[in-house]
Amino acid sequence: MYTPADKEKGTPAHGCTNHAIRKTAVQWAARCKGSILDIKNNGRWKTMEEIAKYHSQGSVQRNLATEGGKKDGIWGMWAWKPVTVASFDGRDQM
């Protein structure tokens, strides 16, 4: 239940935080066979350590979905793809 105290804290009603959305995006991208470096660049994560756990979780989800030669249903919805490239100065370019 969302209370006035939650509103003051900026907490969403159903526990969905900004970090939860970012975490899910990493899992989704990993499920779409995204490399950890591309995902880090797209999400503008600071370190690999921050996303390694979520990337692993997405990879496990992909393996479970394709077990026994099945096709992962994710490809029928929306597949993630990289949208940034690394530049010579280390910053990512869109």
N, C-alpha and C. Protein backbone atom coordinates (compact mmCIF):
# COMPACT_ATOMS: atom_id res chain seq x y z
N MET A 1 0.84 -1.18 0.00
CA MET A 1 0.00 0.00 0.00
C MET A 1 0.89 1.24 0.00
N TYR A 2 0.59 2.16 -0.83
CA TYR A 2 1.32 3.42 -0.98
C TYR A 2 0.79 4.40 0.04
N THR A 3 1.66 4.91 0.87
CA THR A 3 1.24 5.83 1.93
C THR A 3 1.78 7.23 1.67
N PRO A 4 1.24 8.24 2.34
CA PRO A 4 1.79 9.59 2.21
C PRO A 4 3.27 9.66 2.58
N ALA A 5 3.69 8.83 3.54
CA ALA A 5 5.11 8.82 3.92
C ALA A 5 5.96 8.34 2.75
N ASP A 6 5.44 7.37 1.98
CA ASP A 6 6.15 6.89 0.80
C ASP A 6 6.31 8.00 -0.22
N LYS A 7 5.26 8.81 -0.37
CA LYS A 7 5.31 9.91 -1.33
C LYS A 7 6.43 10.89 -0.97
N GLU A 8 6.58 11.15 0.31
CA GLU A 8 7.64 12.05 0.77
C GLU A 8 9.02 11.48 0.44
N LYS A 9 9.17 10.17 0.54
CA LYS A 9 10.45 9.52 0.26
C LYS A 9 10.69 9.35 -1.24
N GLY A 10 9.63 9.50 -2.03
CA GLY A 10 9.75 9.29 -3.46
C GLY A 10 9.71 7.82 -3.84
N THR A 11 9.15 6.97 -2.98
CA THR A 11 9.09 5.54 -3.23
C THR A 11 7.88 5.21 -4.09
N PRO A 12 8.07 4.51 -5.19
CA PRO A 12 6.94 4.11 -6.03
C PRO A 12 5.99 3.17 -5.28
N ALA A 13 4.76 3.10 -5.71
CA ALA A 13 3.73 2.33 -5.03
C ALA A 13 4.02 0.84 -4.99
N HIS A 14 4.59 0.29 -6.02
CA HIS A 14 4.74 -1.16 -6.09
C HIS A 14 6.20 -1.61 -6.01
N GLY A 15 7.06 -0.81 -5.42
CA GLY A 15 8.43 -1.21 -5.22
C GLY A 15 9.30 -1.13 -6.45
N CYS A 16 8.85 -0.49 -7.48
CA CYS A 16 9.65 -0.35 -8.70
C CYS A 16 10.50 0.92 -8.59
N THR A 17 11.78 0.72 -8.46
CA THR A 17 12.69 1.85 -8.33
C THR A 17 13.44 2.08 -9.64
N ASN A 18 14.14 3.19 -9.72
CA ASN A 18 14.96 3.45 -10.90
C ASN A 18 15.99 2.33 -11.07
N HIS A 19 16.56 1.88 -9.97
CA HIS A 19 17.55 0.81 -10.05
C HIS A 19 16.93 -0.49 -10.55
N ALA A 20 15.70 -0.77 -10.14
CA ALA A 20 15.02 -1.98 -10.60
C ALA A 20 14.85 -1.97 -12.12
N ILE A 21 14.56 -0.83 -12.67
CA ILE A 21 14.41 -0.71 -14.12
C ILE A 21 15.75 -0.92 -14.81
N ARG A 22 16.81 -0.33 -14.26
CA ARG A 22 18.15 -0.50 -14.84
C ARG A 22 18.59 -1.97 -14.74
N LYS A 23 18.32 -2.60 -13.61
CA LYS A 23 18.68 -4.00 -13.40
C LYS A 23 17.96 -4.89 -14.41
N THR A 24 16.68 -4.66 -14.59
CA THR A 24 15.90 -5.45 -15.54
C THR A 24 16.39 -5.24 -16.97
N ALA A 25 16.80 -4.03 -17.29
CA ALA A 25 17.33 -3.75 -18.63
C ALA A 25 18.61 -4.55 -18.89
N VAL A 26 19.46 -4.67 -17.89
CA VAL A 26 20.68 -5.47 -18.03
C VAL A 26 20.32 -6.94 -18.24
N GLN A 27 19.37 -7.45 -17.45
CA GLN A 27 18.96 -8.84 -17.59
C GLN A 27 18.38 -9.09 -18.98
N TRP A 28 17.57 -8.17 -19.46
CA TRP A 28 16.94 -8.30 -20.78
C TRP A 28 18.01 -8.31 -21.88
N ALA A 29 18.95 -7.39 -21.78
CA ALA A 29 20.00 -7.31 -22.79
C ALA A 29 20.86 -8.56 -22.79
N ALA A 30 21.16 -9.09 -21.61
CA ALA A 30 21.95 -10.32 -21.53
C ALA A 30 21.17 -11.48 -22.14
N ARG A 31 19.88 -11.49 -21.93
CA ARG A 31 19.03 -12.53 -22.51
C ARG A 31 19.03 -12.45 -24.03
N CYS A 32 19.25 -11.26 -24.56
CA CYS A 32 19.32 -11.04 -26.01
C CYS A 32 20.76 -11.19 -26.53
N LYS A 33 21.61 -11.82 -25.74
CA LYS A 33 23.00 -12.11 -26.10
C LYS A 33 23.86 -10.86 -26.20
N GLY A 34 23.52 -9.84 -25.44
CA GLY A 34 24.33 -8.63 -25.42
C GLY A 34 25.61 -8.85 -24.64
N SER A 35 26.69 -8.29 -25.13
CA SER A 35 27.96 -8.42 -24.40
C SER A 35 27.91 -7.50 -23.18
N ILE A 36 28.62 -7.90 -22.16
CA ILE A 36 28.61 -7.12 -20.93
C ILE A 36 29.17 -5.71 -21.16
N LEU A 37 30.14 -5.57 -22.05
CA LEU A 37 30.72 -4.26 -22.34
C LEU A 37 29.71 -3.35 -23.05
N ASP A 38 29.00 -3.89 -24.04
CA ASP A 38 27.97 -3.10 -24.73
C ASP A 38 26.87 -2.67 -23.78
N ILE A 39 26.47 -3.58 -22.91
CA ILE A 39 25.41 -3.27 -21.94
C ILE A 39 25.89 -2.19 -20.97
N LYS A 40 27.13 -2.30 -20.54
CA LYS A 40 27.70 -1.29 -19.64
C LYS A 40 27.69 0.06 -20.32
N ASN A 41 28.09 0.11 -21.58
CA ASN A 41 28.12 1.38 -22.31
C ASN A 41 26.71 1.94 -22.52
N ASN A 42 25.77 1.08 -22.92
CA ASN A 42 24.41 1.56 -23.17
C ASN A 42 23.75 2.10 -21.91
N GLY A 43 23.96 1.43 -20.79
CA GLY A 43 23.33 1.84 -19.54
C GLY A 43 24.14 2.86 -18.77
N ARG A 44 25.31 3.18 -19.30
CA ARG A 44 26.20 4.14 -18.66
C ARG A 44 26.52 3.74 -17.21
N TRP A 45 26.73 2.43 -17.01
CA TRP A 45 27.13 1.93 -15.71
C TRP A 45 28.58 2.32 -15.48
N LYS A 46 28.95 2.54 -14.23
CA LYS A 46 30.31 2.96 -13.92
C LYS A 46 31.30 1.81 -13.98
N THR A 47 30.93 0.65 -13.46
CA THR A 47 31.87 -0.47 -13.42
C THR A 47 31.21 -1.76 -13.87
N MET A 48 32.03 -2.69 -14.29
CA MET A 48 31.54 -4.02 -14.68
C MET A 48 30.97 -4.76 -13.47
N GLU A 49 31.59 -4.53 -12.31
CA GLU A 49 31.14 -5.22 -11.10
C GLU A 49 29.68 -4.90 -10.79
N GLU A 50 29.25 -3.69 -11.12
CA GLU A 50 27.87 -3.29 -10.83
C GLU A 50 26.86 -4.11 -11.63
N ILE A 51 27.22 -4.53 -12.83
CA ILE A 51 26.24 -5.20 -13.67
C ILE A 51 26.48 -6.70 -13.84
N ALA A 52 27.60 -7.20 -13.35
CA ALA A 52 27.94 -8.61 -13.57
C ALA A 52 26.86 -9.56 -13.06
N LYS A 53 26.33 -9.31 -11.88
CA LYS A 53 25.29 -10.17 -11.31
C LYS A 53 24.04 -10.18 -12.18
N TYR A 54 23.61 -9.01 -12.62
CA TYR A 54 22.39 -8.91 -13.42
C TYR A 54 22.59 -9.53 -14.80
N HIS A 55 23.79 -9.36 -15.36
CA HIS A 55 24.10 -9.98 -16.66
C HIS A 55 24.03 -11.50 -16.53
N SER A 56 24.57 -12.04 -15.46
CA SER A 56 24.54 -13.49 -15.23
C SER A 56 23.10 -13.99 -15.10
N GLN A 57 22.28 -13.22 -14.39
CA GLN A 57 20.88 -13.62 -14.21
C GLN A 57 20.17 -13.67 -15.57
N GLY A 58 20.43 -12.69 -16.43
CA GLY A 58 19.82 -12.69 -17.75
C GLY A 58 20.29 -13.85 -18.61
N SER A 59 21.56 -14.18 -18.50
CA SER A 59 22.10 -15.32 -19.25
C SER A 59 21.46 -16.63 -18.81
N VAL A 60 21.24 -16.77 -17.50
CA VAL A 60 20.57 -17.97 -16.98
C VAL A 60 19.14 -18.03 -17.51
N GLN A 61 18.44 -16.89 -17.53
CA GLN A 61 17.07 -16.85 -18.06
C GLN A 61 17.05 -17.29 -19.53
N ARG A 62 18.05 -16.83 -20.31
CA ARG A 62 18.13 -17.22 -21.72
C ARG A 62 18.34 -18.73 -21.84
N ASN A 63 19.25 -19.27 -21.03
CA ASN A 63 19.52 -20.71 -21.09
C ASN A 63 18.29 -21.53 -20.73
N LEU A 64 17.54 -21.10 -19.73
CA LEU A 64 16.32 -21.81 -19.36
C LEU A 64 15.26 -21.73 -20.46
N ALA A 65 15.16 -20.56 -21.10
CA ALA A 65 14.15 -20.36 -22.14
C ALA A 65 14.47 -21.14 -23.42
N THR A 66 15.74 -21.46 -23.64
CA THR A 66 16.12 -22.15 -24.87
C THR A 66 16.48 -23.62 -24.63
N GLU A 67 16.21 -24.09 -23.41
CA GLU A 67 16.50 -25.48 -23.06
C GLU A 67 15.75 -26.43 -23.99
N GLY A 68 16.43 -27.47 -24.43
CA GLY A 68 15.80 -28.46 -25.29
C GLY A 68 15.55 -27.98 -26.71
N GLY A 69 16.28 -26.96 -27.14
CA GLY A 69 16.15 -26.46 -28.50
C GLY A 69 14.98 -25.51 -28.73
N LYS A 70 14.32 -25.08 -27.65
CA LYS A 70 13.20 -24.15 -27.79
C LYS A 70 13.71 -22.77 -28.21
N LYS A 71 12.85 -22.01 -28.86
CA LYS A 71 13.20 -20.64 -29.22
C LYS A 71 12.72 -19.71 -28.10
N ASP A 72 13.60 -18.82 -27.69
CA ASP A 72 13.27 -17.86 -26.63
C ASP A 72 12.21 -16.88 -27.15
N GLY A 73 11.12 -16.76 -26.42
CA GLY A 73 10.03 -15.86 -26.80
C GLY A 73 10.41 -14.39 -26.84
N ILE A 74 11.54 -14.05 -26.26
CA ILE A 74 11.98 -12.66 -26.23
C ILE A 74 12.18 -12.10 -27.64
N TRP A 75 12.55 -12.98 -28.58
CA TRP A 75 12.82 -12.53 -29.95
C TRP A 75 11.53 -12.16 -30.68
N GLY A 76 10.38 -12.58 -30.16
CA GLY A 76 9.11 -12.23 -30.77
C GLY A 76 8.54 -10.91 -30.24
N MET A 77 9.18 -10.36 -29.19
CA MET A 77 8.71 -9.10 -28.60
C MET A 77 9.60 -7.94 -29.02
N TRP A 78 10.69 -7.83 -28.33
CA TRP A 78 11.61 -6.72 -28.58
C TRP A 78 12.99 -7.19 -28.20
N ALA A 79 13.89 -7.20 -29.15
CA ALA A 79 15.26 -7.63 -28.88
C ALA A 79 16.15 -6.42 -28.65
N TRP A 80 16.96 -6.51 -27.63
CA TRP A 80 17.91 -5.45 -27.31
C TRP A 80 19.04 -5.45 -28.33
N LYS A 81 19.56 -4.27 -28.62
CA LYS A 81 20.77 -4.17 -29.45
C LYS A 81 21.57 -2.97 -28.98
N PRO A 82 22.88 -3.01 -29.15
CA PRO A 82 23.71 -1.90 -28.68
C PRO A 82 23.41 -0.62 -29.45
N VAL A 83 23.50 0.51 -28.75
CA VAL A 83 23.23 1.80 -29.41
C VAL A 83 24.37 2.80 -29.21
N THR A 84 25.45 2.37 -28.59
CA THR A 84 26.58 3.27 -28.41
C THR A 84 27.85 2.61 -28.93
N VAL A 85 28.83 3.43 -29.21
CA VAL A 85 30.16 2.93 -29.58
C VAL A 85 31.17 3.69 -28.74
N ALA A 86 32.25 3.01 -28.42
CA ALA A 86 33.29 3.66 -27.64
C ALA A 86 34.07 4.61 -28.55
N SER A 87 34.43 5.75 -28.02
CA SER A 87 35.22 6.70 -28.80
C SER A 87 36.66 6.64 -28.34
N PHE A 88 37.51 7.35 -29.03
CA PHE A 88 38.94 7.33 -28.74
C PHE A 88 39.29 7.86 -27.36
N ASP A 89 38.44 8.73 -26.80
CA ASP A 89 38.76 9.32 -25.49
C ASP A 89 38.12 8.56 -24.32
N GLY A 90 37.52 7.40 -24.60
CA GLY A 90 36.96 6.58 -23.54
C GLY A 90 35.52 6.85 -23.21
N ARG A 91 34.96 7.94 -23.77
CA ARG A 91 33.54 8.22 -23.53
C ARG A 91 32.71 7.55 -24.62
N ASP A 92 31.51 7.15 -24.26
CA ASP A 92 30.63 6.48 -25.21
C ASP A 92 29.88 7.51 -26.06
N GLN A 93 29.74 7.18 -27.31
CA GLN A 93 29.01 8.05 -28.24
C GLN A 93 27.72 7.36 -28.65
N MET A 94 26.63 8.13 -28.70
CA MET A 94 25.34 7.57 -29.11
C MET A 94 25.26 7.53 -30.62
